[in-house]
Protein backbone atom coordinates (compact mmCIF):
# COMPACT_ATOMS: atom_id res chain seq x y z
CA UNK A 1 -13.35 -10.02 18.85
CA UNK A 2 -12.54 -6.39 19.60
CA UNK A 3 -14.50 -3.93 21.67
CA UNK A 4 -16.49 -0.96 20.46
CA UNK A 5 -13.67 1.44 21.31
CA UNK A 6 -11.26 -0.19 18.85
CA UNK A 7 -10.04 1.64 15.80
CA UNK A 8 -11.43 1.27 12.34
CA UNK A 9 -9.24 0.13 9.46
CA UNK A 10 -9.09 1.60 5.97
CA UNK A 11 -7.34 -0.43 3.25
CA UNK A 12 -5.73 1.46 0.35
CA UNK A 13 -4.55 -0.38 -2.74
CA UNK A 14 -1.60 0.57 -4.91
CA UNK A 15 -0.83 0.87 -8.60
CA UNK A 16 -1.88 -1.68 -11.23
CA UNK A 17 -4.44 -3.17 -8.80
CA UNK A 18 -7.79 -2.34 -7.20
CA UNK A 19 -9.50 -2.69 -3.85
CA UNK A 20 -10.78 -6.22 -4.52
CA UNK A 21 -7.29 -7.55 -3.87
CA UNK A 22 -7.85 -6.87 -0.16
CA UNK A 23 -10.80 -9.27 0.07
CA UNK A 24 -9.08 -12.01 2.12
CA UNK A 25 -7.47 -9.49 4.49
CA UNK A 26 -10.79 -7.67 4.76
CA UNK A 27 -12.68 -10.85 5.70
CA UNK A 28 -10.10 -11.79 8.33
CA UNK A 29 -10.32 -8.37 9.96
CA UNK A 30 -14.13 -8.31 9.81
CA UNK A 31 -14.23 -11.76 11.43
CA UNK A 32 -12.15 -10.34 14.29
CA UNK A 33 -14.71 -7.61 14.86
CA UNK A 34 -13.12 -4.62 13.13
CA UNK A 35 -14.93 -2.01 11.09
CA UNK A 36 -13.13 -2.02 7.74
CA UNK A 37 -13.35 0.32 4.77
CA UNK A 38 -11.80 -0.34 1.35
CA UNK A 39 -10.76 2.52 -0.92
CA UNK A 40 -11.08 2.31 -4.69
CA UNK A 41 -8.33 4.67 -5.84
CA UNK A 42 -8.75 6.07 -9.36
CA UNK A 43 -4.88 6.09 -9.54
CA UNK A 44 -5.03 9.07 -11.88
CA UNK A 45 -3.52 11.64 -9.50
CA UNK A 46 -2.22 11.60 -5.95
CA UNK A 47 -4.65 14.37 -5.01
CA UNK A 48 -7.58 12.37 -6.35
CA UNK A 49 -6.54 9.24 -4.47
CA UNK A 50 -6.08 11.19 -1.24
CA UNK A 51 -9.59 12.62 -1.68
CA UNK A 52 -11.03 9.14 -2.24
CA UNK A 53 -9.24 7.87 0.87
CA UNK A 54 -10.41 10.74 3.05
CA UNK A 55 -14.00 10.09 1.94
CA UNK A 56 -13.74 6.51 3.23
CA UNK A 57 -12.10 7.73 6.45
CA UNK A 58 -15.05 10.04 7.03
CA UNK A 59 -17.44 7.08 6.75
CA UNK A 60 -15.82 5.18 9.65
CA UNK A 61 -17.18 5.24 13.19
CA UNK A 62 -13.84 5.30 15.03
CA UNK A 63 -10.36 6.72 14.71
CA UNK A 64 -8.67 5.08 11.73
CA UNK A 65 -5.58 3.04 11.01
CA UNK A 66 -4.65 3.53 7.36
CA UNK A 67 -3.14 0.58 5.50
CA UNK A 68 -1.38 1.15 2.18
CA UNK A 69 0.13 -1.30 -0.28
CA UNK A 70 2.81 -0.17 -2.75
CA UNK A 71 1.83 3.25 -4.18
CA UNK A 72 -0.95 3.23 -1.58
CA UNK A 73 1.78 4.02 0.96
CA UNK A 74 2.19 7.43 -0.64
CA UNK A 75 -1.57 7.94 -0.53
CA UNK A 76 -1.83 7.18 3.19
CA UNK A 77 1.26 9.28 3.91
CA UNK A 78 -0.53 12.30 2.45
CA UNK A 79 -4.05 11.43 3.65
CA UNK A 80 -2.96 10.80 7.22
CA UNK A 81 -3.32 14.43 8.28
CA UNK A 82 -7.07 13.78 8.62
CA UNK A 83 -8.28 14.39 12.22
CA UNK A 84 -9.59 10.79 12.57
CA UNK A 85 -6.23 9.30 11.60
CA UNK A 86 -4.45 7.24 14.29
CA UNK A 87 -1.61 5.36 12.58
CA UNK A 88 -0.28 3.81 9.39
CA UNK A 89 0.57 0.34 8.16
CA UNK A 90 2.81 0.08 5.11
CA UNK A 91 2.62 -3.22 3.22
CA UNK A 92 5.55 -3.43 0.77
CA UNK A 93 4.85 0.25 0.25
CA UNK A 94 6.37 3.60 -0.54
CA UNK A 95 6.73 5.94 2.44
CA UNK A 96 7.78 9.28 0.91
CA UNK A 97 9.03 12.27 2.88
CA UNK A 98 8.00 15.88 2.29
CA UNK A 99 8.64 16.89 -1.31
CA UNK A 100 9.17 13.32 -2.47
CA UNK A 101 7.03 11.28 -4.85
CA UNK A 102 6.92 7.64 -5.87
CA UNK A 103 8.66 8.74 -9.04
CA UNK A 104 11.53 10.41 -7.20
CA UNK A 105 11.94 7.47 -4.82
CA UNK A 106 12.08 5.07 -7.77
CA UNK A 107 14.55 7.12 -9.80
CA UNK A 108 17.71 5.64 -8.27
CA UNK A 109 17.17 1.97 -7.37
CA UNK A 110 19.77 0.21 -5.21
CA UNK A 111 22.63 -1.45 -7.15
CA UNK A 112 21.63 -4.85 -8.48
CA UNK A 113 17.92 -4.31 -7.84
CA UNK A 114 15.40 -5.95 -10.17
CA UNK A 115 13.58 -3.26 -12.15
CA UNK A 116 9.81 -3.57 -12.52
CA UNK A 117 8.68 -4.16 -16.12
CA UNK A 118 6.86 -0.83 -16.53
CA UNK A 119 6.11 0.00 -20.15
CA UNK A 120 6.65 3.48 -21.64
CA UNK A 121 3.82 5.92 -20.87
CA UNK A 122 0.71 5.76 -23.05
CA UNK A 123 -1.44 8.90 -23.04
CA UNK A 124 -0.22 9.81 -19.56
CA UNK A 125 -0.62 6.34 -18.01
CA UNK A 126 1.68 3.45 -17.14
CA UNK A 127 1.10 -0.30 -17.39
CA UNK A 128 3.19 -3.33 -16.49
CA UNK A 129 4.21 -5.72 -19.25
CA UNK A 130 1.48 -8.39 -19.05
CA UNK A 131 3.83 -11.26 -19.83
CA UNK A 132 6.21 -10.22 -17.02
CA UNK A 133 3.51 -9.16 -14.53
CA UNK A 134 3.13 -12.54 -12.72
CA UNK A 135 6.84 -12.97 -11.96
CA UNK A 136 7.45 -9.34 -11.01
CA UNK A 137 4.27 -8.46 -9.09
CA UNK A 138 2.83 -11.77 -7.90
CA UNK A 139 5.55 -14.40 -7.90
CA UNK A 140 4.00 -16.45 -5.08
CA UNK A 141 0.37 -16.07 -6.15
CA UNK A 142 -1.60 -18.79 -7.95
CA UNK A 143 -0.60 -18.64 -11.63
CA UNK A 144 -4.16 -18.32 -12.91
CA UNK A 145 -4.87 -15.51 -10.47
CA UNK A 146 -1.64 -13.74 -11.39
CA UNK A 147 -2.54 -13.88 -15.10
CA UNK A 148 -5.96 -12.40 -14.33
CA UNK A 149 -4.29 -9.59 -12.37
CA UNK A 150 -2.05 -8.89 -15.37
CA UNK A 151 -5.04 -8.63 -17.71
CA UNK A 152 -7.15 -6.57 -15.28
CA UNK A 153 -4.46 -4.14 -14.12
CA UNK A 154 -5.55 -0.53 -13.72
CA UNK A 155 -3.66 2.24 -15.54
CA UNK A 156 -1.42 4.33 -13.30
CA UNK A 157 -1.46 8.05 -14.05
CA UNK A 158 1.77 10.01 -14.25
CA UNK A 159 0.18 12.64 -11.98
CA UNK A 160 -0.10 9.91 -9.34
CA UNK A 161 3.46 8.71 -9.91
CA UNK A 162 4.85 12.22 -9.60
CA UNK A 163 2.51 13.61 -6.95
CA UNK A 164 4.63 15.05 -4.14
CA UNK A 165 3.97 14.70 -0.42
CA UNK A 166 3.28 17.88 1.55
CA UNK A 167 3.27 16.78 5.22
CA UNK A 168 4.17 13.09 5.75
CA UNK A 169 1.83 11.50 8.29
CA UNK A 170 4.50 9.11 9.58
CA UNK A 171 6.38 12.03 11.11
CA UNK A 172 3.60 12.63 13.65
CA UNK A 173 1.86 9.24 14.05
CA UNK A 174 3.06 5.69 14.74
CA UNK A 175 3.64 3.37 11.82
CA UNK A 176 4.19 -0.29 11.07
CA UNK A 177 5.90 -1.75 8.01
CA UNK A 178 5.85 -5.18 6.37
CA UNK A 179 9.00 -5.68 4.26
CA UNK A 180 8.75 -8.34 1.54
CA UNK A 181 12.17 -9.88 0.97
CA UNK A 182 11.36 -11.40 -2.45
CA UNK A 183 9.84 -8.21 -3.85
CA UNK A 184 10.56 -7.53 -7.54
CA UNK A 185 8.65 -4.24 -7.67
CA UNK A 186 10.00 -2.22 -4.72
CA UNK A 187 13.53 -3.41 -3.83
CA UNK A 188 13.68 -4.84 -0.28
CA UNK A 189 16.62 -2.54 0.54
CA UNK A 190 14.49 0.45 -0.45
CA UNK A 191 11.70 -0.83 1.81
CA UNK A 192 14.17 -1.22 4.68
CA UNK A 193 15.45 2.32 4.15
CA UNK A 194 11.96 3.86 4.12
CA UNK A 195 10.75 1.88 7.14
CA UNK A 196 13.83 2.83 9.16
CA UNK A 197 13.50 6.50 8.20
CA UNK A 198 9.84 6.48 9.24
CA UNK A 199 10.67 4.88 12.58
CA UNK A 200 8.23 2.08 11.83
CA UNK A 201 7.78 -1.13 13.76
CA UNK A 202 9.00 -3.61 11.15
CA UNK A 203 8.42 -7.24 10.30
CA UNK A 204 10.11 -8.88 7.31
CA UNK A 205 8.51 -11.77 5.44
CA UNK A 206 9.73 -13.90 2.55
CA UNK A 207 7.13 -13.08 -0.07
CA UNK A 208 6.33 -11.25 -3.29
CA UNK A 209 4.99 -7.74 -3.81
CA UNK A 210 1.47 -9.25 -3.71
CA UNK A 211 1.90 -10.42 -0.10
CA UNK A 212 -1.65 -9.29 0.70
CA UNK A 213 -2.88 -12.04 -1.64
CA UNK A 214 -0.32 -14.78 -1.00
CA UNK A 215 -0.10 -14.42 2.80
CA UNK A 216 -3.19 -12.49 3.94
CA UNK A 217 -3.00 -13.83 7.50
CA UNK A 218 0.45 -12.29 8.00
CA UNK A 219 -0.86 -8.96 6.74
CA UNK A 220 -4.03 -9.14 8.84
CA UNK A 221 -2.05 -9.90 12.01
CA UNK A 222 0.17 -6.86 11.55
CA UNK A 223 -2.84 -4.63 10.90
CA UNK A 224 -4.59 -6.01 13.99
CA UNK A 225 -1.50 -5.28 16.12
CA UNK A 226 -1.42 -1.71 14.83
CA UNK A 227 -5.14 -1.21 15.44
CA UNK A 228 -4.88 -2.46 19.02
CA UNK A 229 -1.74 -0.49 19.92
CA UNK A 230 -2.16 2.37 22.35
């Protein structure tokens, strides 16, 4: 258990998913005594997702460690200028610099990288190919669960994809990064580049992009370490 002076934790999901994916990580952190908030990003625009995240930050009792998965890393990078913000945890996530977006970071993948099966835009939104979703997004997740995720994926707005960072929070606050070495959505080499640039404390785990589902204990331990760091 943690004491009353410990930091709160806010979990921010990424594209094609929603906050319910954090349930196992959430329960582990709650059982260890942390106050935990979960953001439900609309994933329509970066500005809208930052606003949703800041609203959850405001509801916490303590200073906050922001945790972002995938596109959620861009959200926490922009939202982390909030006065209650204490640090960031990137989970297989984008960590853009000033002027960058998820779209710009994804424009030139490393040679040989597996490209995510994103379909052409439909009315300003992106989806992943449902048939290819399990292997690309959730390769180590239960097959039935992965199929449900494919069918329940949330549309990702182009305004969110192309939303640019103003002041990156990782330049002024400590950060931690979990690199997933079997990731088929964000190339591991891209994750290593972003984590090194941000000066993050890094752990690397053999796992898919959906590491928060397949190995929640690993994710919860890293978040706990970040929340207890001083």
